[in-house]
């Protein structure tokens, strides 16, 4: 059943959600007493987990209590096997396409003085034409019977810029709704396929702000313009300033509480997961946005990306404000 916004059909507590991470990674987070440029530094603590934006979305969905989640994408070499193993341990069904080479490492260094984050992201494997065809078939099969397919993150080397647009069409033809969370050319091309939801952040939305006012008014105008282009749900996340969203011809302002963030990496992915959780249950937009913002905030209170403690999420739900804008 197709729909344009939460509240129209598809109310299910067990609807299968598929997340797609074409450039999956091992996320390693290093906690340092302080960041000192050009010196040898010793980490006090290291966390390693399966990562990439779609895998973060899948993990948060499980933390929020969604029962049926499948993760797919490309997984290469030893790192790819580690990723698939960790995904399975999280209660997510791993269903990856094996590629040659090695899946990437994404390194995050946390400065103990002020919590500042410095990231180093590897490019990932080179994807061949036969891998692209295998992924097309994987999406065709995974989307069949799924309520929602969520495409997240960057395209690995070898993927054409319009690959997300192609996969969105395949997933939709198989009967699934589609979300897209990416940036740059992949976002510009992917939007042409009219996904049901996109979530650019304040930097990723700027190419669509040409001629718009600056600041919050500009974000509102950009969100409204993208919604007018045929994308039913657009959320522009603004970090500590919350979000601006457009859905069903209406604009919304999402305000979040001030937080003592531990690690904000993955908070955008948690936002997507929270919105998806409400979307497949047919919730009204305001409720889905509140659920999304609370998930993003809860992720920032956790050590690792894509980790949401249900107790934090429940508490934060009461502190999120969603206003309808004129």
C-alpha atoms as a PDB file:
ATOM      1  CA  UNK A   1       0.000   0.000   0.000  1.00  0.00           C
ATOM      2  CA  UNK A   2       1.450   3.350  -1.027  1.00  0.00           C
ATOM      3  CA  UNK A   3       1.036   6.544   0.938  1.00  0.00           C
ATOM      4  CA  UNK A   4       2.440  10.078   1.047  1.00  0.00           C
ATOM      5  CA  UNK A   5       2.667  10.763   4.750  1.00  0.00           C
ATOM      6  CA  UNK A   6       2.342   9.102   8.152  1.00  0.00           C
ATOM      7  CA  UNK A   7      -1.242   8.484   9.128  1.00  0.00           C
ATOM      8  CA  UNK A   8      -2.322   6.871   5.854  1.00  0.00           C
ATOM      9  CA  UNK A   9      -2.462   3.080   6.093  1.00  0.00           C
ATOM     10  CA  UNK A  10       0.201   0.468   6.761  1.00  0.00           C
ATOM     11  CA  UNK A  11      -0.215   0.332  10.577  1.00  0.00           C
ATOM     12  CA  UNK A  12       1.975  -2.606  11.605  1.00  0.00           C
ATOM     13  CA  UNK A  13       4.098  -3.387  14.631  1.00  0.00           C
ATOM     14  CA  UNK A  14       6.156  -6.001  12.745  1.00  0.00           C
ATOM     15  CA  UNK A  15       6.485  -4.515   9.226  1.00  0.00           C
ATOM     16  CA  UNK A  16       9.890  -5.411   7.817  1.00  0.00           C
ATOM     17  CA  UNK A  17      12.286  -2.506   7.292  1.00  0.00           C
ATOM     18  CA  UNK A  18      15.371  -2.936   5.100  1.00  0.00           C
ATOM     19  CA  UNK A  19      18.353  -0.617   5.464  1.00  0.00           C
ATOM     20  CA  UNK A  20      20.902  -0.313   2.656  1.00  0.00           C
ATOM     21  CA  UNK A  21      24.508   0.722   3.354  1.00  0.00           C
ATOM     22  CA  UNK A  22      26.429   0.548   0.090  1.00  0.00           C
ATOM     23  CA  UNK A  23      29.641   1.755   1.774  1.00  0.00           C
ATOM     24  CA  UNK A  24      29.473  -0.201   5.039  1.00  0.00           C
ATOM     25  CA  UNK A  25      32.300   0.256   7.533  1.00  0.00           C
ATOM     26  CA  UNK A  26      33.853  -0.712  10.805  1.00  0.00           C
ATOM     27  CA  UNK A  27      33.386   2.309  13.046  1.00  0.00           C
ATOM     28  CA  UNK A  28      36.233   2.745  15.529  1.00  0.00           C
ATOM     29  CA  UNK A  29      35.970   5.421  18.203  1.00  0.00           C
ATOM     30  CA  UNK A  30      39.079   6.461  20.130  1.00  0.00           C
ATOM     31  CA  UNK A  31      38.704   8.369  23.412  1.00  0.00           C
ATOM     32  CA  UNK A  32      41.809  10.500  23.995  1.00  0.00           C
ATOM     33  CA  UNK A  33      42.743  12.555  27.078  1.00  0.00           C
ATOM     34  CA  UNK A  34      43.416  15.378  24.618  1.00  0.00           C
ATOM     35  CA  UNK A  35      44.039  15.849  20.910  1.00  0.00           C
ATOM     36  CA  UNK A  36      47.609  16.986  20.241  1.00  0.00           C
ATOM     37  CA  UNK A  37      48.533  17.632  16.623  1.00  0.00           C
ATOM     38  CA  UNK A  38      51.772  16.065  15.398  1.00  0.00           C
ATOM     39  CA  UNK A  39      52.416  13.899  18.472  1.00  0.00           C
ATOM     40  CA  UNK A  40      51.978  10.299  19.615  1.00  0.00           C
ATOM     41  CA  UNK A  41      48.701   9.921  21.526  1.00  0.00           C
ATOM     42  CA  UNK A  42      47.486   6.958  23.575  1.00  0.00           C
ATOM     43  CA  UNK A  43      43.794   6.146  23.650  1.00  0.00           C
ATOM     44  CA  UNK A  44      42.139   5.510  27.013  1.00  0.00           C
ATOM     45  CA  UNK A  45      39.333   3.502  25.417  1.00  0.00           C
ATOM     46  CA  UNK A  46      38.454   2.135  21.952  1.00  0.00           C
ATOM     47  CA  UNK A  47      35.062   1.028  20.633  1.00  0.00           C
ATOM     48  CA  UNK A  48      34.635  -0.975  17.407  1.00  0.00           C
ATOM     49  CA  UNK A  49      31.280  -1.681  15.775  1.00  0.00           C
ATOM     50  CA  UNK A  50      29.643  -2.381  12.435  1.00  0.00           C
ATOM     51  CA  UNK A  51      28.948   1.009  10.936  1.00  0.00           C
ATOM     52  CA  UNK A  52      27.900   3.082   8.009  1.00  0.00           C
ATOM     53  CA  UNK A  53      24.767   5.187   8.069  1.00  0.00           C
ATOM     54  CA  UNK A  54      22.264   2.475   7.153  1.00  0.00           C
ATOM     55  CA  UNK A  55      23.643   0.056   9.729  1.00  0.00           C
ATOM     56  CA  UNK A  56      23.328   2.788  12.359  1.00  0.00           C
ATOM     57  CA  UNK A  57      19.686   3.234  11.308  1.00  0.00           C
ATOM     58  CA  UNK A  58      19.081  -0.508  11.607  1.00  0.00           C
ATOM     59  CA  UNK A  59      20.641  -0.698  15.064  1.00  0.00           C
ATOM     60  CA  UNK A  60      18.587   2.236  16.375  1.00  0.00           C
ATOM     61  CA  UNK A  61      15.396   0.687  14.996  1.00  0.00           C
ATOM     62  CA  UNK A  62      16.139  -2.428  17.047  1.00  0.00           C
ATOM     63  CA  UNK A  63      16.850  -0.317  20.153  1.00  0.00           C
ATOM     64  CA  UNK A  64      13.509   1.421  19.683  1.00  0.00           C
ATOM     65  CA  UNK A  65      11.806  -1.967  19.613  1.00  0.00           C
ATOM     66  CA  UNK A  66      11.165  -2.599  15.924  1.00  0.00           C
ATOM     67  CA  UNK A  67      11.196  -6.375  15.556  1.00  0.00           C
ATOM     68  CA  UNK A  68      11.954  -7.026  11.884  1.00  0.00           C
ATOM     69  CA  UNK A  69      15.011  -5.267  10.453  1.00  0.00           C
ATOM     70  CA  UNK A  70      17.274  -6.441   7.616  1.00  0.00           C
ATOM     71  CA  UNK A  71      20.581  -4.788   6.680  1.00  0.00           C
ATOM     72  CA  UNK A  72      22.119  -5.079   3.244  1.00  0.00           C
ATOM     73  CA  UNK A  73      24.818  -3.344   1.217  1.00  0.00           C
ATOM     74  CA  UNK A  74      28.312  -4.235   0.045  1.00  0.00           C
ATOM     75  CA  UNK A  75      30.629  -6.093   2.446  1.00  0.00           C
ATOM     76  CA  UNK A  76      34.208  -6.814   1.395  1.00  0.00           C
ATOM     77  CA  UNK A  77      37.007  -8.923   2.829  1.00  0.00           C
ATOM     78  CA  UNK A  78      37.809  -9.491   6.496  1.00  0.00           C
ATOM     79  CA  UNK A  79      36.239  -6.192   7.468  1.00  0.00           C
ATOM     80  CA  UNK A  80      33.063  -7.169   5.629  1.00  0.00           C
ATOM     81  CA  UNK A  81      32.831 -10.441   7.537  1.00  0.00           C
ATOM     82  CA  UNK A  82      33.272  -8.558  10.815  1.00  0.00           C
ATOM     83  CA  UNK A  83      30.489  -6.158   9.805  1.00  0.00           C
ATOM     84  CA  UNK A  84      28.050  -8.966   8.948  1.00  0.00           C
ATOM     85  CA  UNK A  85      28.845 -10.773  12.200  1.00  0.00           C
ATOM     86  CA  UNK A  86      28.279  -7.693  14.352  1.00  0.00           C
ATOM     87  CA  UNK A  87      25.044  -6.880  12.516  1.00  0.00           C
ATOM     88  CA  UNK A  88      23.719 -10.340  13.325  1.00  0.00           C
ATOM     89  CA  UNK A  89      24.729 -10.005  16.985  1.00  0.00           C
ATOM     90  CA  UNK A  90      22.592  -6.838  17.167  1.00  0.00           C
ATOM     91  CA  UNK A  91      19.437  -8.767  16.252  1.00  0.00           C
ATOM     92  CA  UNK A  92      19.447  -7.506  12.662  1.00  0.00           C
ATOM     93  CA  UNK A  93      19.270  -9.905   9.706  1.00  0.00           C
ATOM     94  CA  UNK A  94      22.543  -9.525   7.707  1.00  0.00           C
ATOM     95  CA  UNK A  95      21.988  -9.912   3.941  1.00  0.00           C
ATOM     96  CA  UNK A  96      25.023  -8.345   2.276  1.00  0.00           C
ATOM     97  CA  UNK A  97      26.475  -8.598  -1.211  1.00  0.00           C
ATOM     98  CA  UNK A  98      30.114  -9.716  -1.078  1.00  0.00           C
ATOM     99  CA  UNK A  99      32.537  -7.517  -3.014  1.00  0.00           C
ATOM    100  CA  UNK A 100      36.283  -7.727  -3.630  1.00  0.00           C
ATOM    101  CA  UNK A 101      38.766  -5.755  -1.563  1.00  0.00           C
ATOM    102  CA  UNK A 102      38.134  -4.522   1.990  1.00  0.00           C
ATOM    103  CA  UNK A 103      35.263  -2.619   3.519  1.00  0.00           C
ATOM    104  CA  UNK A 104      36.416   0.646   4.990  1.00  0.00           C
ATOM    105  CA  UNK A 105      37.359   1.810   8.459  1.00  0.00           C
ATOM    106  CA  UNK A 106      35.835   5.021   9.807  1.00  0.00           C
ATOM    107  CA  UNK A 107      37.901   6.466  12.641  1.00  0.00           C
ATOM    108  CA  UNK A 108      36.503   8.931  15.176  1.00  0.00           C
ATOM    109  CA  UNK A 109      38.807  10.614  17.709  1.00  0.00           C
ATOM    110  CA  UNK A 110      37.133  12.166  20.760  1.00  0.00           C
ATOM    111  CA  UNK A 111      39.057  14.914  22.543  1.00  0.00           C
ATOM    112  CA  UNK A 112      38.601  14.428  26.298  1.00  0.00           C
ATOM    113  CA  UNK A 113      38.997  18.146  27.002  1.00  0.00           C
ATOM    114  CA  UNK A 114      35.859  19.323  25.248  1.00  0.00           C
ATOM    115  CA  UNK A 115      34.321  16.271  23.557  1.00  0.00           C
ATOM    116  CA  UNK A 116      35.235  17.521  20.064  1.00  0.00           C
ATOM    117  CA  UNK A 117      35.146  14.851  17.364  1.00  0.00           C
ATOM    118  CA  UNK A 118      37.684  14.407  14.541  1.00  0.00           C
ATOM    119  CA  UNK A 119      36.811  11.842  11.889  1.00  0.00           C
ATOM    120  CA  UNK A 120      38.945  10.055   9.280  1.00  0.00           C
ATOM    121  CA  UNK A 121      36.922   8.081   6.727  1.00  0.00           C
ATOM    122  CA  UNK A 122      38.454   5.550   4.333  1.00  0.00           C
ATOM    123  CA  UNK A 123      37.061   5.413   0.763  1.00  0.00           C
ATOM    124  CA  UNK A 124      35.997   1.748   0.792  1.00  0.00           C
ATOM    125  CA  UNK A 125      36.256  -0.932  -1.925  1.00  0.00           C
ATOM    126  CA  UNK A 126      36.068  -0.462  -5.689  1.00  0.00           C
ATOM    127  CA  UNK A 127      32.713  -1.791  -6.886  1.00  0.00           C
ATOM    128  CA  UNK A 128      32.627  -3.707 -10.183  1.00  0.00           C
ATOM    129  CA  UNK A 129      29.808  -3.961 -12.718  1.00  0.00           C
ATOM    130  CA  UNK A 130      28.945  -7.500 -11.599  1.00  0.00           C
ATOM    131  CA  UNK A 131      28.655  -6.204  -8.009  1.00  0.00           C
ATOM    132  CA  UNK A 132      26.237  -3.519  -9.184  1.00  0.00           C
ATOM    133  CA  UNK A 133      24.078  -6.140 -10.871  1.00  0.00           C
ATOM    134  CA  UNK A 134      24.171  -8.326  -7.758  1.00  0.00           C
ATOM    135  CA  UNK A 135      22.991  -5.341  -5.700  1.00  0.00           C
ATOM    136  CA  UNK A 136      20.121  -4.672  -8.099  1.00  0.00           C
ATOM    137  CA  UNK A 137      18.945  -8.245  -7.614  1.00  0.00           C
ATOM    138  CA  UNK A 138      19.467  -8.046  -3.849  1.00  0.00           C
ATOM    139  CA  UNK A 139      17.287  -4.936  -3.574  1.00  0.00           C
ATOM    140  CA  UNK A 140      14.622  -6.489  -5.804  1.00  0.00           C
ATOM    141  CA  UNK A 141      14.394  -9.477  -3.489  1.00  0.00           C
ATOM    142  CA  UNK A 142      14.802  -7.611  -0.188  1.00  0.00           C
ATOM    143  CA  UNK A 143      12.164  -5.001  -1.035  1.00  0.00           C
ATOM    144  CA  UNK A 144       9.576  -7.623  -1.922  1.00  0.00           C
ATOM    145  CA  UNK A 145       7.321  -7.876   1.109  1.00  0.00           C
ATOM    146  CA  UNK A 146       9.113  -5.046   2.956  1.00  0.00           C
ATOM    147  CA  UNK A 147       7.201  -2.031   4.223  1.00  0.00           C
ATOM    148  CA  UNK A 148      10.150   0.336   3.864  1.00  0.00           C
ATOM    149  CA  UNK A 149      13.636   0.409   2.315  1.00  0.00           C
ATOM    150  CA  UNK A 150      16.054   3.045   3.655  1.00  0.00           C
ATOM    151  CA  UNK A 151      19.089   3.995   1.538  1.00  0.00           C
ATOM    152  CA  UNK A 152      21.763   5.754   3.593  1.00  0.00           C
ATOM    153  CA  UNK A 153      25.272   7.052   3.186  1.00  0.00           C
ATOM    154  CA  UNK A 154      27.846   7.651   0.493  1.00  0.00           C
ATOM    155  CA  UNK A 155      28.326   5.701  -2.724  1.00  0.00           C
ATOM    156  CA  UNK A 156      31.513   3.614  -2.863  1.00  0.00           C
ATOM    157  CA  UNK A 157      33.919   3.962  -5.765  1.00  0.00           C
ATOM    158  CA  UNK A 158      32.561   2.380  -8.926  1.00  0.00           C
ATOM    159  CA  UNK A 159      28.912   3.259  -8.262  1.00  0.00           C
ATOM    160  CA  UNK A 160      27.405   5.762 -10.722  1.00  0.00           C
ATOM    161  CA  UNK A 161      25.965   8.945  -9.222  1.00  0.00           C
ATOM    162  CA  UNK A 162      22.438   7.871 -10.180  1.00  0.00           C
ATOM    163  CA  UNK A 163      22.700   4.401  -8.619  1.00  0.00           C
ATOM    164  CA  UNK A 164      20.454   5.337  -5.693  1.00  0.00           C
ATOM    165  CA  UNK A 165      17.819   6.606  -8.126  1.00  0.00           C
ATOM    166  CA  UNK A 166      17.946   3.281  -9.957  1.00  0.00           C
ATOM    167  CA  UNK A 167      17.695   1.253  -6.739  1.00  0.00           C
ATOM    168  CA  UNK A 168      14.823   3.423  -5.487  1.00  0.00           C
ATOM    169  CA  UNK A 169      12.901   2.560  -8.637  1.00  0.00           C
ATOM    170  CA  UNK A 170      13.602  -1.145  -8.163  1.00  0.00           C
ATOM    171  CA  UNK A 171      12.494  -1.070  -4.520  1.00  0.00           C
ATOM    172  CA  UNK A 172       9.337   0.870  -5.328  1.00  0.00           C
ATOM    173  CA  UNK A 173       8.459  -1.511  -8.169  1.00  0.00           C
ATOM    174  CA  UNK A 174       8.772  -4.355  -5.655  1.00  0.00           C
ATOM    175  CA  UNK A 175       6.110  -2.666  -3.500  1.00  0.00           C
ATOM    176  CA  UNK A 176       8.160  -0.918  -0.803  1.00  0.00           C
ATOM    177  CA  UNK A 177       8.199   2.687   0.365  1.00  0.00           C
ATOM    178  CA  UNK A 178      11.640   4.333   0.154  1.00  0.00           C
ATOM    179  CA  UNK A 179      13.681   6.772   2.283  1.00  0.00           C
ATOM    180  CA  UNK A 180      16.964   8.369   1.145  1.00  0.00           C
ATOM    181  CA  UNK A 181      19.673   9.928   3.320  1.00  0.00           C
ATOM    182  CA  UNK A 182      22.796  10.886   1.390  1.00  0.00           C
ATOM    183  CA  UNK A 183      24.517  14.027   0.082  1.00  0.00           C
ATOM    184  CA  UNK A 184      26.037  15.718  -2.939  1.00  0.00           C
ATOM    185  CA  UNK A 185      25.488  14.272  -6.405  1.00  0.00           C
ATOM    186  CA  UNK A 186      24.013  11.075  -4.968  1.00  0.00           C
ATOM    187  CA  UNK A 187      21.305  13.132  -3.251  1.00  0.00           C
ATOM    188  CA  UNK A 188      20.656  15.337  -6.282  1.00  0.00           C
ATOM    189  CA  UNK A 189      20.273  12.305  -8.549  1.00  0.00           C
ATOM    190  CA  UNK A 190      18.425  10.205  -5.973  1.00  0.00           C
ATOM    191  CA  UNK A 191      15.786  12.882  -5.429  1.00  0.00           C
ATOM    192  CA  UNK A 192      14.786  12.548  -9.079  1.00  0.00           C
ATOM    193  CA  UNK A 193      13.307   9.156  -8.152  1.00  0.00           C
ATOM    194  CA  UNK A 194      10.995  10.863  -5.604  1.00  0.00           C
ATOM    195  CA  UNK A 195      11.749   8.986  -2.366  1.00  0.00           C
ATOM    196  CA  UNK A 196       9.103   9.338   0.348  1.00  0.00           C
ATOM    197  CA  UNK A 197      11.570  10.994   2.760  1.00  0.00           C
ATOM    198  CA  UNK A 198      14.941  12.743   2.662  1.00  0.00           C
ATOM    199  CA  UNK A 199      16.983  14.146   5.544  1.00  0.00           C
ATOM    200  CA  UNK A 200      19.701  16.585   4.473  1.00  0.00           C
ATOM    201  CA  UNK A 201      21.565  18.385   7.223  1.00  0.00           C
ATOM    202  CA  UNK A 202      22.281  22.118   7.239  1.00  0.00           C
ATOM    203  CA  UNK A 203      25.349  21.719   5.025  1.00  0.00           C
ATOM    204  CA  UNK A 204      23.788  19.233   2.600  1.00  0.00           C
ATOM    205  CA  UNK A 205      20.725  21.467   2.021  1.00  0.00           C
ATOM    206  CA  UNK A 206      22.714  24.567   0.995  1.00  0.00           C
ATOM    207  CA  UNK A 207      22.820  23.764  -2.755  1.00  0.00           C
ATOM    208  CA  UNK A 208      19.018  24.066  -2.696  1.00  0.00           C
ATOM    209  CA  UNK A 209      19.077  27.407  -0.859  1.00  0.00           C
ATOM    210  CA  UNK A 210      20.194  29.530  -3.813  1.00  0.00           C
ATOM    211  CA  UNK A 211      18.204  32.736  -3.708  1.00  0.00           C
ATOM    212  CA  UNK A 212      16.650  31.837  -0.357  1.00  0.00           C
ATOM    213  CA  UNK A 213      17.005  33.911   2.775  1.00  0.00           C
ATOM    214  CA  UNK A 214      19.790  33.020   5.179  1.00  0.00           C
ATOM    215  CA  UNK A 215      19.443  31.280   8.528  1.00  0.00           C
ATOM    216  CA  UNK A 216      16.326  29.445   9.655  1.00  0.00           C
ATOM    217  CA  UNK A 217      14.088  31.148   7.090  1.00  0.00           C
ATOM    218  CA  UNK A 218      16.342  29.815   4.340  1.00  0.00           C
ATOM    219  CA  UNK A 219      16.098  26.277   5.678  1.00  0.00           C
ATOM    220  CA  UNK A 220      12.314  26.593   5.792  1.00  0.00           C
ATOM    221  CA  UNK A 221      12.187  27.803   2.202  1.00  0.00           C
ATOM    222  CA  UNK A 222      14.484  24.995   1.030  1.00  0.00           C
ATOM    223  CA  UNK A 223      12.445  22.340   2.837  1.00  0.00           C
ATOM    224  CA  UNK A 224       9.247  23.701   1.318  1.00  0.00           C
ATOM    225  CA  UNK A 225      10.794  23.871  -2.166  1.00  0.00           C
ATOM    226  CA  UNK A 226      11.970  20.242  -2.016  1.00  0.00           C
ATOM    227  CA  UNK A 227       8.558  19.112  -0.805  1.00  0.00           C
ATOM    228  CA  UNK A 228       7.017  20.993  -3.746  1.00  0.00           C
ATOM    229  CA  UNK A 229       9.247  18.970  -6.091  1.00  0.00           C
ATOM    230  CA  UNK A 230       7.317  15.826  -5.195  1.00  0.00           C
ATOM    231  CA  UNK A 231       9.116  14.530  -2.098  1.00  0.00           C
ATOM    232  CA  UNK A 232       6.365  14.099   0.518  1.00  0.00           C
ATOM    233  CA  UNK A 233       8.562  14.339   3.636  1.00  0.00           C
ATOM    234  CA  UNK A 234      11.660  16.538   3.964  1.00  0.00           C
ATOM    235  CA  UNK A 235      13.507  17.006   7.255  1.00  0.00           C
ATOM    236  CA  UNK A 236      16.482  19.381   7.496  1.00  0.00           C
ATOM    237  CA  UNK A 237      18.432  18.558  10.658  1.00  0.00           C
ATOM    238  CA  UNK A 238      20.220  21.500  12.293  1.00  0.00           C
ATOM    239  CA  UNK A 239      22.342  19.854  14.978  1.00  0.00           C
ATOM    240  CA  UNK A 240      21.779  21.412  18.394  1.00  0.00           C
ATOM    241  CA  UNK A 241      19.111  23.683  16.868  1.00  0.00           C
ATOM    242  CA  UNK A 242      16.757  20.775  16.106  1.00  0.00           C
ATOM    243  CA  UNK A 243      15.170  20.517  12.657  1.00  0.00           C
ATOM    244  CA  UNK A 244      12.866  22.080  10.085  1.00  0.00           C
ATOM    245  CA  UNK A 245      10.539  19.737   8.211  1.00  0.00           C
ATOM    246  CA  UNK A 246       8.053  19.888   5.364  1.00  0.00           C
ATOM    247  CA  UNK A 247       5.324  17.256   4.968  1.00  0.00           C
ATOM    248  CA  UNK A 248       1.881  17.174   3.428  1.00  0.00           C
ATOM    249  CA  UNK A 249       2.034  20.844   2.434  1.00  0.00           C
ATOM    250  CA  UNK A 250       2.828  21.893   6.004  1.00  0.00           C
ATOM    251  CA  UNK A 251       6.040  23.162   7.623  1.00  0.00           C
ATOM    252  CA  UNK A 252       7.199  22.126  11.113  1.00  0.00           C
ATOM    253  CA  UNK A 253       9.850  23.426  13.511  1.00  0.00           C
ATOM    254  CA  UNK A 254      11.398  20.822  15.806  1.00  0.00           C
ATOM    255  CA  UNK A 255      13.138  22.123  18.935  1.00  0.00           C
ATOM    256  CA  UNK A 256      15.311  19.951  21.151  1.00  0.00           C
ATOM    257  CA  UNK A 257      16.661  20.404  24.697  1.00  0.00           C
ATOM    258  CA  UNK A 258      20.226  21.444  25.431  1.00  0.00           C
ATOM    259  CA  UNK A 259      22.383  18.371  25.860  1.00  0.00           C
ATOM    260  CA  UNK A 260      25.747  17.439  27.306  1.00  0.00           C
ATOM    261  CA  UNK A 261      26.604  15.420  24.205  1.00  0.00           C
ATOM    262  CA  UNK A 262      29.039  12.522  24.539  1.00  0.00           C
ATOM    263  CA  UNK A 263      29.331  11.628  20.833  1.00  0.00           C
ATOM    264  CA  UNK A 264      27.015  13.204  18.246  1.00  0.00           C
ATOM    265  CA  UNK A 265      28.179  10.976  15.366  1.00  0.00           C
ATOM    266  CA  UNK A 266      25.207   8.950  14.133  1.00  0.00           C
ATOM    267  CA  UNK A 267      22.558  11.294  15.508  1.00  0.00           C
ATOM    268  CA  UNK A 268      21.241  12.003  12.014  1.00  0.00           C
ATOM    269  CA  UNK A 269      20.932   8.267  11.403  1.00  0.00           C
ATOM    270  CA  UNK A 270      19.042   7.896  14.677  1.00  0.00           C
ATOM    271  CA  UNK A 271      16.688  10.684  13.520  1.00  0.00           C
ATOM    272  CA  UNK A 272      15.954   8.716  10.330  1.00  0.00           C
ATOM    273  CA  UNK A 273      15.310   5.567  12.372  1.00  0.00           C
ATOM    274  CA  UNK A 274      12.928   7.380  14.698  1.00  0.00           C
ATOM    275  CA  UNK A 275      10.940   8.820  11.807  1.00  0.00           C
ATOM    276  CA  UNK A 276      10.843   5.433  10.060  1.00  0.00           C
ATOM    277  CA  UNK A 277       9.560   3.805  13.262  1.00  0.00           C
ATOM    278  CA  UNK A 278       6.560   6.123  13.272  1.00  0.00           C
ATOM    279  CA  UNK A 279       6.109   6.083   9.497  1.00  0.00           C
ATOM    280  CA  UNK A 280       5.490   2.342   9.199  1.00  0.00           C
ATOM    281  CA  UNK A 281       3.020   2.579  12.077  1.00  0.00           C
ATOM    282  CA  UNK A 282       0.998   5.274  10.337  1.00  0.00           C
ATOM    283  CA  UNK A 283       1.660   7.946  12.971  1.00  0.00           C
ATOM    284  CA  UNK A 284       0.892  11.634  12.358  1.00  0.00           C
ATOM    285  CA  UNK A 285       3.835  13.720  11.179  1.00  0.00           C
ATOM    286  CA  UNK A 286       4.219  15.592  14.485  1.00  0.00           C
ATOM    287  CA  UNK A 287       4.484  12.364  16.471  1.00  0.00           C
ATOM    288  CA  UNK A 288       6.975  10.839  14.022  1.00  0.00           C
ATOM    289  CA  UNK A 289       9.119  13.980  14.142  1.00  0.00           C
ATOM    290  CA  UNK A 290       9.094  13.976  17.939  1.00  0.00           C
ATOM    291  CA  UNK A 291      10.118  10.313  17.954  1.00  0.00           C
ATOM    292  CA  UNK A 292      12.874  11.082  15.444  1.00  0.00           C
ATOM    293  CA  UNK A 293      14.290  14.052  17.342  1.00  0.00           C
ATOM    294  CA  UNK A 294      14.285  12.148  20.636  1.00  0.00           C
ATOM    295  CA  UNK A 295      16.212   9.303  18.978  1.00  0.00           C
ATOM    296  CA  UNK A 296      18.779  11.728  17.561  1.00  0.00           C
ATOM    297  CA  UNK A 297      19.254  13.353  20.960  1.00  0.00           C
ATOM    298  CA  UNK A 298      19.518   9.985  22.729  1.00  0.00           C
ATOM    299  CA  UNK A 299      22.232   8.896  20.295  1.00  0.00           C
ATOM    300  CA  UNK A 300      24.288  11.976  21.234  1.00  0.00           C
ATOM    301  CA  UNK A 301      24.239  10.821  24.872  1.00  0.00           C
ATOM    302  CA  UNK A 302      25.793   7.447  24.003  1.00  0.00           C
ATOM    303  CA  UNK A 303      29.456   6.577  23.512  1.00  0.00           C
ATOM    304  CA  UNK A 304      28.994   4.932  20.115  1.00  0.00           C
ATOM    305  CA  UNK A 305      27.241   5.909  16.889  1.00  0.00           C
ATOM    306  CA  UNK A 306      23.872   4.277  16.355  1.00  0.00           C
ATOM    307  CA  UNK A 307      23.313   3.519  20.033  1.00  0.00           C
ATOM    308  CA  UNK A 308      20.107   4.675  21.745  1.00  0.00           C
ATOM    309  CA  UNK A 309      19.175   3.768  25.304  1.00  0.00           C
ATOM    310  CA  UNK A 310      15.375   3.373  25.513  1.00  0.00           C
ATOM    311  CA  UNK A 311      15.317   5.131  28.900  1.00  0.00           C
ATOM    312  CA  UNK A 312      17.003   8.210  27.376  1.00  0.00           C
ATOM    313  CA  UNK A 313      14.626   8.137  24.427  1.00  0.00           C
ATOM    314  CA  UNK A 314      11.508   7.946  26.597  1.00  0.00           C
ATOM    315  CA  UNK A 315      12.699  10.827  28.778  1.00  0.00           C
ATOM    316  CA  UNK A 316      13.621  13.004  25.806  1.00  0.00           C
ATOM    317  CA  UNK A 317      10.264  12.450  24.113  1.00  0.00           C
ATOM    318  CA  UNK A 318       8.750  14.684  26.789  1.00  0.00           C
ATOM    319  CA  UNK A 319      11.274  17.451  26.073  1.00  0.00           C
ATOM    320  CA  UNK A 320      10.914  17.710  22.277  1.00  0.00           C
ATOM    321  CA  UNK A 321       8.751  20.531  20.934  1.00  0.00           C
ATOM    322  CA  UNK A 322       7.175  20.308  17.460  1.00  0.00           C
ATOM    323  CA  UNK A 323       5.434  23.461  16.204  1.00  0.00           C
ATOM    324  CA  UNK A 324       3.351  23.882  13.064  1.00  0.00           C
ATOM    325  CA  UNK A 325       4.577  26.902  11.107  1.00  0.00           C
ATOM    326  CA  UNK A 326       2.411  29.299   9.119  1.00  0.00           C
END
